[in-house]
All heavy atoms as atom14 arrays in JSON, in Angstrom:
{
  "sequence": "NKNDWAKVLNLERMPWKQLVVSNEQEKEAMQLQFKLNSAIPYSV",
  "atom14_mask": [
    [1, 1, 1, 1, 1, 1, 1, 1, 0, 0, 0, 0, 0, 0],
    [1, 1, 1, 1, 1, 1, 1, 1, 1, 0, 0, 0, 0, 0],
    [1, 1, 1, 1, 1, 1, 1, 1, 0, 0, 0, 0, 0, 0],
    [1, 1, 1, 1, 1, 1, 1, 1, 0, 0, 0, 0, 0, 0],
    [1, 1, 1, 1, 1, 1, 1, 1, 1, 1, 1, 1, 1, 1],
    [1, 1, 1, 1, 1, 0, 0, 0, 0, 0, 0, 0, 0, 0],
    [1, 1, 1, 1, 1, 1, 1, 1, 1, 0, 0, 0, 0, 0],
    [1, 1, 1, 1, 1, 1, 1, 0, 0, 0, 0, 0, 0, 0],
    [1, 1, 1, 1, 1, 1, 1, 1, 0, 0, 0, 0, 0, 0],
    [1, 1, 1, 1, 1, 1, 1, 1, 0, 0, 0, 0, 0, 0],
    [1, 1, 1, 1, 1, 1, 1, 1, 0, 0, 0, 0, 0, 0],
    [1, 1, 1, 1, 1, 1, 1, 1, 1, 0, 0, 0, 0, 0],
    [1, 1, 1, 1, 1, 1, 1, 1, 1, 1, 1, 0, 0, 0],
    [1, 1, 1, 1, 1, 1, 1, 1, 0, 0, 0, 0, 0, 0],
    [1, 1, 1, 1, 1, 1, 1, 0, 0, 0, 0, 0, 0, 0],
    [1, 1, 1, 1, 1, 1, 1, 1, 1, 1, 1, 1, 1, 1],
    [1, 1, 1, 1, 1, 1, 1, 1, 1, 0, 0, 0, 0, 0],
    [1, 1, 1, 1, 1, 1, 1, 1, 1, 0, 0, 0, 0, 0],
    [1, 1, 1, 1, 1, 1, 1, 1, 0, 0, 0, 0, 0, 0],
    [1, 1, 1, 1, 1, 1, 1, 0, 0, 0, 0, 0, 0, 0],
    [1, 1, 1, 1, 1, 1, 1, 0, 0, 0, 0, 0, 0, 0],
    [1, 1, 1, 1, 1, 1, 0, 0, 0, 0, 0, 0, 0, 0],
    [1, 1, 1, 1, 1, 1, 1, 1, 0, 0, 0, 0, 0, 0],
    [1, 1, 1, 1, 1, 1, 1, 1, 1, 0, 0, 0, 0, 0],
    [1, 1, 1, 1, 1, 1, 1, 1, 1, 0, 0, 0, 0, 0],
    [1, 1, 1, 1, 1, 1, 1, 1, 1, 0, 0, 0, 0, 0],
    [1, 1, 1, 1, 1, 1, 1, 1, 1, 0, 0, 0, 0, 0],
    [1, 1, 1, 1, 1, 1, 1, 1, 1, 0, 0, 0, 0, 0],
    [1, 1, 1, 1, 1, 0, 0, 0, 0, 0, 0, 0, 0, 0],
    [1, 1, 1, 1, 1, 1, 1, 1, 0, 0, 0, 0, 0, 0],
    [1, 1, 1, 1, 1, 1, 1, 1, 1, 0, 0, 0, 0, 0],
    [1, 1, 1, 1, 1, 1, 1, 1, 0, 0, 0, 0, 0, 0],
    [1, 1, 1, 1, 1, 1, 1, 1, 1, 0, 0, 0, 0, 0],
    [1, 1, 1, 1, 1, 1, 1, 1, 1, 1, 1, 0, 0, 0],
    [1, 1, 1, 1, 1, 1, 1, 1, 1, 0, 0, 0, 0, 0],
    [1, 1, 1, 1, 1, 1, 1, 1, 0, 0, 0, 0, 0, 0],
    [1, 1, 1, 1, 1, 1, 1, 1, 0, 0, 0, 0, 0, 0],
    [1, 1, 1, 1, 1, 1, 0, 0, 0, 0, 0, 0, 0, 0],
    [1, 1, 1, 1, 1, 0, 0, 0, 0, 0, 0, 0, 0, 0],
    [1, 1, 1, 1, 1, 1, 1, 1, 0, 0, 0, 0, 0, 0],
    [1, 1, 1, 1, 1, 1, 1, 0, 0, 0, 0, 0, 0, 0],
    [1, 1, 1, 1, 1, 1, 1, 1, 1, 1, 1, 1, 0, 0],
    [1, 1, 1, 1, 1, 1, 0, 0, 0, 0, 0, 0, 0, 0],
    [1, 1, 1, 1, 1, 1, 1, 0, 0, 0, 0, 0, 0, 0]
  ],
  "atom14_positions": [
    [[0.82, -1.19, 0.0], [0.0, 0.0, -0.01], [0.88, 1.25, 0.01], [1.47, 1.62, 1.01], [-0.92, -0.02, 1.22], [-1.9, 1.15, 1.2], [-1.59, 2.25, 0.79], [-3.11, 0.88, 1.68], [0.0, 0.0, 0.0], [0.0, 0.0, 0.0], [0.0, 0.0, 0.0], [0.0, 0.0, 0.0], [0.0, 0.0, 0.0], [0.0, 0.0, 0.0]],
    [[0.93, 1.91, -1.16], [1.81, 3.08, -1.31], [1.37, 4.24, -0.43], [2.17, 5.06, 0.0], [1.85, 3.54, -2.76], [2.3, 2.48, -3.76], [3.75, 2.1, -3.6], [4.17, 0.99, -4.53], [3.91, -0.36, -4.04], [0.0, 0.0, 0.0], [0.0, 0.0, 0.0], [0.0, 0.0, 0.0], [0.0, 0.0, 0.0], [0.0, 0.0, 0.0]],
    [[0.05, 4.33, -0.12], [-0.44, 5.41, 0.74], [0.06, 5.25, 2.16], [0.44, 6.21, 2.82], [-1.97, 5.47, 0.73], [-2.49, 5.93, -0.62], [-1.8, 6.6, -1.37], [-3.71, 5.53, -0.92], [0.0, 0.0, 0.0], [0.0, 0.0, 0.0], [0.0, 0.0, 0.0], [0.0, 0.0, 0.0], [0.0, 0.0, 0.0], [0.0, 0.0, 0.0]],
    [[0.08, 4.01, 2.66], [0.59, 3.75, 3.99], [2.08, 4.12, 4.05], [2.54, 4.72, 5.01], [0.45, 2.26, 4.36], [-1.01, 1.87, 4.59], [-1.87, 2.77, 4.65], [-1.28, 0.65, 4.7], [0.0, 0.0, 0.0], [0.0, 0.0, 0.0], [0.0, 0.0, 0.0], [0.0, 0.0, 0.0], [0.0, 0.0, 0.0], [0.0, 0.0, 0.0]],
    [[2.8, 3.75, 3.0], [4.22, 4.04, 2.91], [4.44, 5.56, 2.95], [5.23, 6.06, 3.73], [4.79, 3.43, 1.62], [6.21, 3.76, 1.31], [7.31, 3.46, 2.07], [6.73, 4.42, 0.14], [8.45, 3.92, 1.44], [8.12, 4.49, 0.26], [6.11, 4.95, -1.0], [8.93, 5.07, -0.71], [6.93, 5.52, -1.98], [8.31, 5.59, -1.82]],
    [[3.68, 6.28, 2.13], [3.83, 7.74, 2.05], [3.51, 8.4, 3.39], [4.2, 9.32, 3.83], [2.91, 8.31, 0.95], [0.0, 0.0, 0.0], [0.0, 0.0, 0.0], [0.0, 0.0, 0.0], [0.0, 0.0, 0.0], [0.0, 0.0, 0.0], [0.0, 0.0, 0.0], [0.0, 0.0, 0.0], [0.0, 0.0, 0.0], [0.0, 0.0, 0.0]],
    [[2.49, 7.89, 4.08], [2.11, 8.44, 5.4], [3.25, 8.29, 6.39], [3.6, 9.23, 7.12], [0.9, 7.68, 5.95], [-0.41, 8.41, 5.74], [-1.53, 7.66, 6.45], [-2.69, 7.51, 5.49], [-3.43, 6.3, 5.58], [0.0, 0.0, 0.0], [0.0, 0.0, 0.0], [0.0, 0.0, 0.0], [0.0, 0.0, 0.0], [0.0, 0.0, 0.0]],
    [[3.86, 7.1, 6.42], [4.95, 6.85, 7.36], [6.18, 7.69, 6.98], [6.88, 8.19, 7.87], [5.27, 5.34, 7.46], [6.53, 5.1, 8.26], [4.09, 4.61, 8.1], [0.0, 0.0, 0.0], [0.0, 0.0, 0.0], [0.0, 0.0, 0.0], [0.0, 0.0, 0.0], [0.0, 0.0, 0.0], [0.0, 0.0, 0.0], [0.0, 0.0, 0.0]],
    [[6.43, 7.86, 5.7], [7.55, 8.72, 5.31], [7.36, 10.13, 5.84], [8.28, 10.78, 6.31], [7.71, 8.76, 3.77], [8.24, 7.5, 3.1], [8.44, 7.76, 1.62], [9.52, 7.01, 3.74], [0.0, 0.0, 0.0], [0.0, 0.0, 0.0], [0.0, 0.0, 0.0], [0.0, 0.0, 0.0], [0.0, 0.0, 0.0], [0.0, 0.0, 0.0]],
    [[6.12, 10.63, 5.78], [5.81, 11.96, 6.31], [6.02, 12.04, 7.81], [6.5, 13.04, 8.33], [4.38, 12.38, 5.97], [4.29, 12.91, 4.55], [5.27, 13.44, 4.04], [3.13, 12.77, 3.95], [0.0, 0.0, 0.0], [0.0, 0.0, 0.0], [0.0, 0.0, 0.0], [0.0, 0.0, 0.0], [0.0, 0.0, 0.0], [0.0, 0.0, 0.0]],
    [[5.64, 10.97, 8.49], [5.8, 10.92, 9.96], [7.27, 10.83, 10.35], [7.73, 11.53, 11.25], [5.1, 9.69, 10.51], [3.58, 9.76, 10.67], [3.07, 8.36, 11.08], [3.24, 10.77, 11.77], [0.0, 0.0, 0.0], [0.0, 0.0, 0.0], [0.0, 0.0, 0.0], [0.0, 0.0, 0.0], [0.0, 0.0, 0.0], [0.0, 0.0, 0.0]],
    [[8.0, 9.92, 9.7], [9.35, 9.61, 10.14], [10.42, 10.57, 9.62], [11.49, 10.67, 10.19], [9.71, 8.16, 9.72], [8.82, 7.09, 10.36], [9.09, 6.88, 11.85], [9.96, 7.57, 12.44], [8.46, 5.98, 12.43], [0.0, 0.0, 0.0], [0.0, 0.0, 0.0], [0.0, 0.0, 0.0], [0.0, 0.0, 0.0], [0.0, 0.0, 0.0]],
    [[10.16, 11.2, 8.5], [11.11, 12.19, 7.95], [12.53, 11.67, 7.88], [13.45, 12.26, 8.42], [11.09, 13.46, 8.8], [9.72, 14.09, 8.9], [9.66, 15.39, 8.1], [8.3, 15.89, 8.04], [7.61, 16.05, 6.92], [8.15, 15.73, 5.76], [6.4, 16.55, 6.94], [0.0, 0.0, 0.0], [0.0, 0.0, 0.0], [0.0, 0.0, 0.0]],
    [[12.71, 10.56, 7.19], [14.06, 10.01, 7.02], [14.73, 10.78, 5.88], [14.24, 10.78, 4.76], [13.98, 8.52, 6.71], [13.45, 7.7, 7.87], [13.22, 5.96, 7.44], [11.59, 5.96, 6.73], [0.0, 0.0, 0.0], [0.0, 0.0, 0.0], [0.0, 0.0, 0.0], [0.0, 0.0, 0.0], [0.0, 0.0, 0.0], [0.0, 0.0, 0.0]],
    [[15.9, 11.41, 6.16], [16.5, 12.3, 5.17], [17.33, 11.61, 4.07], [18.05, 12.28, 3.34], [17.39, 13.21, 6.02], [17.73, 12.36, 7.21], [16.59, 11.44, 7.43], [0.0, 0.0, 0.0], [0.0, 0.0, 0.0], [0.0, 0.0, 0.0], [0.0, 0.0, 0.0], [0.0, 0.0, 0.0], [0.0, 0.0, 0.0], [0.0, 0.0, 0.0]],
    [[17.23, 10.3, 3.94], [18.02, 9.62, 2.9], [17.07, 9.05, 1.85], [15.88, 9.18, 1.94], [18.92, 8.54, 3.52], [18.18, 7.54, 4.36], [17.58, 6.39, 3.94], [17.94, 7.61, 5.78], [16.99, 5.74, 4.99], [17.19, 6.47, 6.13], [18.29, 8.53, 6.78], [16.79, 6.21, 7.44], [17.86, 8.27, 8.09], [17.14, 7.13, 8.41]],
    [[17.67, 8.38, 0.86], [16.92, 7.85, -0.28], [15.85, 6.85, 0.16], [16.17, 5.88, 0.85], [17.91, 7.19, -1.26], [17.33, 6.87, -2.61], [18.27, 6.02, -3.46], [19.45, 6.79, -3.98], [20.33, 5.97, -4.83], [0.0, 0.0, 0.0], [0.0, 0.0, 0.0], [0.0, 0.0, 0.0], [0.0, 0.0, 0.0], [0.0, 0.0, 0.0]],
    [[14.62, 7.12, -0.27], [13.48, 6.23, 0.05], [12.94, 5.65, -1.25], [12.51, 6.39, -2.13], [12.37, 7.04, 0.75], [12.81, 7.69, 2.05], [13.18, 6.67, 3.11], [12.56, 5.61, 3.22], [14.17, 7.0, 3.92], [0.0, 0.0, 0.0], [0.0, 0.0, 0.0], [0.0, 0.0, 0.0], [0.0, 0.0, 0.0], [0.0, 0.0, 0.0]],
    [[12.96, 4.32, -1.33], [12.47, 3.64, -2.53], [11.42, 2.62, -2.11], [11.36, 2.2, -0.96], [13.63, 2.95, -3.25], [14.79, 3.83, -3.68], [15.95, 3.0, -4.18], [14.36, 4.83, -4.74], [0.0, 0.0, 0.0], [0.0, 0.0, 0.0], [0.0, 0.0, 0.0], [0.0, 0.0, 0.0], [0.0, 0.0, 0.0], [0.0, 0.0, 0.0]],
    [[10.61, 2.2, -3.07], [9.61, 1.18, -2.78], [9.57, 0.16, -3.92], [9.75, 0.5, -5.08], [8.2, 1.82, -2.54], [7.67, 2.49, -3.8], [7.21, 0.81, -1.98], [0.0, 0.0, 0.0], [0.0, 0.0, 0.0], [0.0, 0.0, 0.0], [0.0, 0.0, 0.0], [0.0, 0.0, 0.0], [0.0, 0.0, 0.0], [0.0, 0.0, 0.0]],
    [[9.38, -1.11, -3.54], [9.26, -2.18, -4.52], [7.82, -2.17, -5.0], [6.89, -2.23, -4.19], [9.62, -3.54, -3.84], [9.31, -4.69, -4.78], [11.08, -3.55, -3.44], [0.0, 0.0, 0.0], [0.0, 0.0, 0.0], [0.0, 0.0, 0.0], [0.0, 0.0, 0.0], [0.0, 0.0, 0.0], [0.0, 0.0, 0.0], [0.0, 0.0, 0.0]],
    [[7.62, -2.09, -6.32], [6.26, -1.91, -6.85], [5.61, -3.16, -7.41], [4.42, -3.15, -7.66], [6.29, -0.85, -7.98], [6.77, 0.37, -7.45], [0.0, 0.0, 0.0], [0.0, 0.0, 0.0], [0.0, 0.0, 0.0], [0.0, 0.0, 0.0], [0.0, 0.0, 0.0], [0.0, 0.0, 0.0], [0.0, 0.0, 0.0], [0.0, 0.0, 0.0]],
    [[6.38, -4.2, -7.68], [5.77, -5.38, -8.27], [6.6, -6.63, -7.96], [7.66, -6.55, -7.36], [5.61, -5.19, -9.79], [6.95, -4.88, -10.46], [7.95, -5.51, -10.17], [6.95, -3.9, -11.34], [0.0, 0.0, 0.0], [0.0, 0.0, 0.0], [0.0, 0.0, 0.0], [0.0, 0.0, 0.0], [0.0, 0.0, 0.0], [0.0, 0.0, 0.0]],
    [[6.08, -7.76, -8.39], [6.73, -9.05, -8.09], [8.1, -9.17, -8.73], [9.03, -9.73, -8.13], [5.86, -10.23, -8.52], [4.74, -10.55, -7.54], [5.22, -10.7, -6.08], [6.16, -11.47, -5.84], [4.65, -10.03, -5.19], [0.0, 0.0, 0.0], [0.0, 0.0, 0.0], [0.0, 0.0, 0.0], [0.0, 0.0, 0.0], [0.0, 0.0, 0.0]],
    [[8.28, -8.64, -9.95], [9.58, -8.71, -10.62], [10.63, -7.96, -9.81], [11.74, -8.44, -9.61], [9.53, -8.13, -12.04], [8.78, -8.96, -13.05], [7.27, -8.71, -13.02], [6.74, -8.02, -12.14], [6.57, -9.28, -13.97], [0.0, 0.0, 0.0], [0.0, 0.0, 0.0], [0.0, 0.0, 0.0], [0.0, 0.0, 0.0], [0.0, 0.0, 0.0]],
    [[10.26, -6.76, -9.33], [11.21, -5.97, -8.55], [11.53, -6.7, -7.24], [12.68, -6.76, -6.83], [10.62, -4.59, -8.25], [10.54, -3.71, -9.48], [9.92, -2.35, -9.23], [9.55, -2.05, -8.07], [9.8, -1.59, -10.19], [0.0, 0.0, 0.0], [0.0, 0.0, 0.0], [0.0, 0.0, 0.0], [0.0, 0.0, 0.0], [0.0, 0.0, 0.0]],
    [[10.49, -7.26, -6.62], [10.71, -7.97, -5.35], [11.65, -9.15, -5.57], [12.56, -9.41, -4.78], [9.38, -8.42, -4.76], [9.48, -8.88, -3.32], [8.13, -9.26, -2.74], [7.47, -8.04, -2.12], [6.15, -8.34, -1.51], [0.0, 0.0, 0.0], [0.0, 0.0, 0.0], [0.0, 0.0, 0.0], [0.0, 0.0, 0.0], [0.0, 0.0, 0.0]],
    [[11.42, -9.87, -6.66], [12.25, -11.05, -6.97], [13.7, -10.64, -7.2], [14.61, -11.32, -6.72], [11.7, -11.73, -8.22], [11.98, -13.2, -8.27], [11.19, -13.85, -9.42], [10.0, -14.14, -9.24], [11.81, -14.04, -10.48], [0.0, 0.0, 0.0], [0.0, 0.0, 0.0], [0.0, 0.0, 0.0], [0.0, 0.0, 0.0], [0.0, 0.0, 0.0]],
    [[13.91, -9.54, -7.9], [15.28, -9.05, -8.14], [15.96, -8.72, -6.81], [17.15, -9.02, -6.62], [15.26, -7.84, -9.05], [0.0, 0.0, 0.0], [0.0, 0.0, 0.0], [0.0, 0.0, 0.0], [0.0, 0.0, 0.0], [0.0, 0.0, 0.0], [0.0, 0.0, 0.0], [0.0, 0.0, 0.0], [0.0, 0.0, 0.0], [0.0, 0.0, 0.0]],
    [[15.21, -8.11, -5.88], [15.78, -7.77, -4.57], [16.13, -9.04, -3.8], [17.16, -9.12, -3.16], [14.76, -6.96, -3.71], [14.37, -5.62, -4.28], [15.74, -4.51, -4.62], [15.75, -4.52, -6.39], [0.0, 0.0, 0.0], [0.0, 0.0, 0.0], [0.0, 0.0, 0.0], [0.0, 0.0, 0.0], [0.0, 0.0, 0.0], [0.0, 0.0, 0.0]],
    [[15.25, -10.05, -3.89], [15.49, -11.3, -3.18], [16.76, -11.99, -3.72], [17.58, -12.45, -2.94], [14.28, -12.22, -3.33], [13.09, -11.73, -2.52], [11.8, -12.44, -2.86], [11.6, -12.95, -3.96], [10.86, -12.44, -1.93], [0.0, 0.0, 0.0], [0.0, 0.0, 0.0], [0.0, 0.0, 0.0], [0.0, 0.0, 0.0], [0.0, 0.0, 0.0]],
    [[16.89, -12.01, -5.04], [18.06, -12.64, -5.63], [19.34, -11.88, -5.32], [20.35, -12.47, -4.92], [17.89, -12.73, -7.16], [16.89, -13.77, -7.65], [16.64, -13.57, -9.15], [17.41, -15.17, -7.37], [0.0, 0.0, 0.0], [0.0, 0.0, 0.0], [0.0, 0.0, 0.0], [0.0, 0.0, 0.0], [0.0, 0.0, 0.0], [0.0, 0.0, 0.0]],
    [[19.3, -10.58, -5.51], [20.52, -9.78, -5.37], [20.97, -9.62, -3.92], [22.14, -9.67, -3.61], [20.34, -8.41, -6.01], [21.59, -7.58, -6.0], [22.72, -8.21, -6.82], [22.52, -8.64, -7.95], [23.89, -8.34, -6.24], [0.0, 0.0, 0.0], [0.0, 0.0, 0.0], [0.0, 0.0, 0.0], [0.0, 0.0, 0.0], [0.0, 0.0, 0.0]],
    [[20.0, -9.4, -3.05], [20.35, -9.05, -1.67], [20.04, -10.14, -0.64], [20.12, -9.93, 0.54], [19.65, -7.75, -1.27], [20.03, -6.59, -2.16], [19.08, -6.02, -2.98], [21.32, -6.12, -2.2], [19.42, -4.95, -3.81], [21.69, -5.07, -3.04], [20.73, -4.48, -3.84], [0.0, 0.0, 0.0], [0.0, 0.0, 0.0], [0.0, 0.0, 0.0]],
    [[19.64, -11.32, -1.15], [19.31, -12.45, -0.28], [18.19, -12.06, 0.71], [18.18, -12.44, 1.87], [20.53, -12.98, 0.46], [21.63, -13.44, -0.48], [22.75, -14.09, 0.27], [23.9, -14.61, -0.58], [23.96, -14.28, -1.97], [0.0, 0.0, 0.0], [0.0, 0.0, 0.0], [0.0, 0.0, 0.0], [0.0, 0.0, 0.0], [0.0, 0.0, 0.0]],
    [[17.26, -11.27, 0.2], [16.13, -10.81, 1.02], [15.12, -11.95, 1.15], [14.74, -12.56, 0.16], [15.46, -9.61, 0.32], [14.13, -9.13, 0.83], [14.26, -8.47, 2.19], [13.5, -8.15, -0.15], [0.0, 0.0, 0.0], [0.0, 0.0, 0.0], [0.0, 0.0, 0.0], [0.0, 0.0, 0.0], [0.0, 0.0, 0.0], [0.0, 0.0, 0.0]],
    [[14.73, -12.27, 2.39], [13.6, -13.18, 2.51], [12.46, -12.37, 3.13], [12.46, -11.16, 3.05], [13.96, -14.43, 3.32], [14.45, -14.06, 4.72], [14.04, -13.06, 5.3], [15.3, -14.88, 5.27], [0.0, 0.0, 0.0], [0.0, 0.0, 0.0], [0.0, 0.0, 0.0], [0.0, 0.0, 0.0], [0.0, 0.0, 0.0], [0.0, 0.0, 0.0]],
    [[11.52, -13.02, 3.77], [10.36, -12.27, 4.23], [10.61, -11.56, 5.58], [9.77, -10.84, 6.05], [9.14, -13.15, 4.31], [9.46, -14.29, 5.11], [0.0, 0.0, 0.0], [0.0, 0.0, 0.0], [0.0, 0.0, 0.0], [0.0, 0.0, 0.0], [0.0, 0.0, 0.0], [0.0, 0.0, 0.0], [0.0, 0.0, 0.0], [0.0, 0.0, 0.0]],
    [[11.77, -11.84, 6.2], [12.04, -11.25, 7.5], [12.57, -9.83, 7.35], [13.6, -9.62, 6.73], [13.03, -12.11, 8.27], [0.0, 0.0, 0.0], [0.0, 0.0, 0.0], [0.0, 0.0, 0.0], [0.0, 0.0, 0.0], [0.0, 0.0, 0.0], [0.0, 0.0, 0.0], [0.0, 0.0, 0.0], [0.0, 0.0, 0.0], [0.0, 0.0, 0.0]],
    [[11.84, -8.87, 7.91], [12.29, -7.48, 7.93], [12.2, -6.96, 9.35], [11.45, -7.52, 10.14], [11.47, -6.59, 6.95], [9.98, -6.69, 7.28], [11.78, -6.91, 5.5], [9.1, -5.71, 6.52], [0.0, 0.0, 0.0], [0.0, 0.0, 0.0], [0.0, 0.0, 0.0], [0.0, 0.0, 0.0], [0.0, 0.0, 0.0], [0.0, 0.0, 0.0]],
    [[12.92, -5.94, 9.74], [13.87, -5.2, 8.9], [15.08, -6.07, 8.52], [15.48, -6.92, 9.28], [14.31, -4.04, 9.82], [14.07, -4.53, 11.2], [12.91, -5.44, 11.12], [0.0, 0.0, 0.0], [0.0, 0.0, 0.0], [0.0, 0.0, 0.0], [0.0, 0.0, 0.0], [0.0, 0.0, 0.0], [0.0, 0.0, 0.0], [0.0, 0.0, 0.0]],
    [[15.56, -5.82, 7.33], [16.73, -6.53, 6.84], [17.69, -5.48, 6.35], [17.35, -4.69, 5.44], [16.32, -7.48, 5.71], [17.48, -8.17, 5.03], [18.36, -9.0, 5.73], [17.71, -8.0, 3.66], [19.44, -9.61, 5.09], [18.77, -8.65, 3.03], [19.62, -9.43, 3.75], [20.67, -10.05, 3.11], [0.0, 0.0, 0.0], [0.0, 0.0, 0.0]],
    [[18.86, -5.42, 6.96], [19.87, -4.42, 6.58], [21.03, -5.11, 5.91], [21.52, -6.12, 6.39], [20.38, -3.71, 7.84], [19.3, -3.15, 8.54], [0.0, 0.0, 0.0], [0.0, 0.0, 0.0], [0.0, 0.0, 0.0], [0.0, 0.0, 0.0], [0.0, 0.0, 0.0], [0.0, 0.0, 0.0], [0.0, 0.0, 0.0], [0.0, 0.0, 0.0]],
    [[21.43, -4.56, 4.78], [22.53, -5.16, 4.05], [23.49, -4.08, 3.58], [23.07, -3.03, 3.1], [21.97, -6.05, 2.87], [21.14, -5.21, 1.91], [23.07, -6.76, 2.14], [0.0, 0.0, 0.0], [0.0, 0.0, 0.0], [0.0, 0.0, 0.0], [0.0, 0.0, 0.0], [0.0, 0.0, 0.0], [0.0, 0.0, 0.0], [0.0, 0.0, 0.0]]
  ]
}
C-alpha cells in the first residue's frame, strides 16, 4: 500500500533515499541480489 508508505515517510522524515518495490519482478530481483527473505527489517 503506497499510501501507507507515504504516510509513514511523512511521519518519520528520514533524510536519505526512500524507494519502494512496486511489483513481483522488482521484489524477486531484490530477493536474488540481496538475499532478502520475508524477514524485515533486513539491513545489508
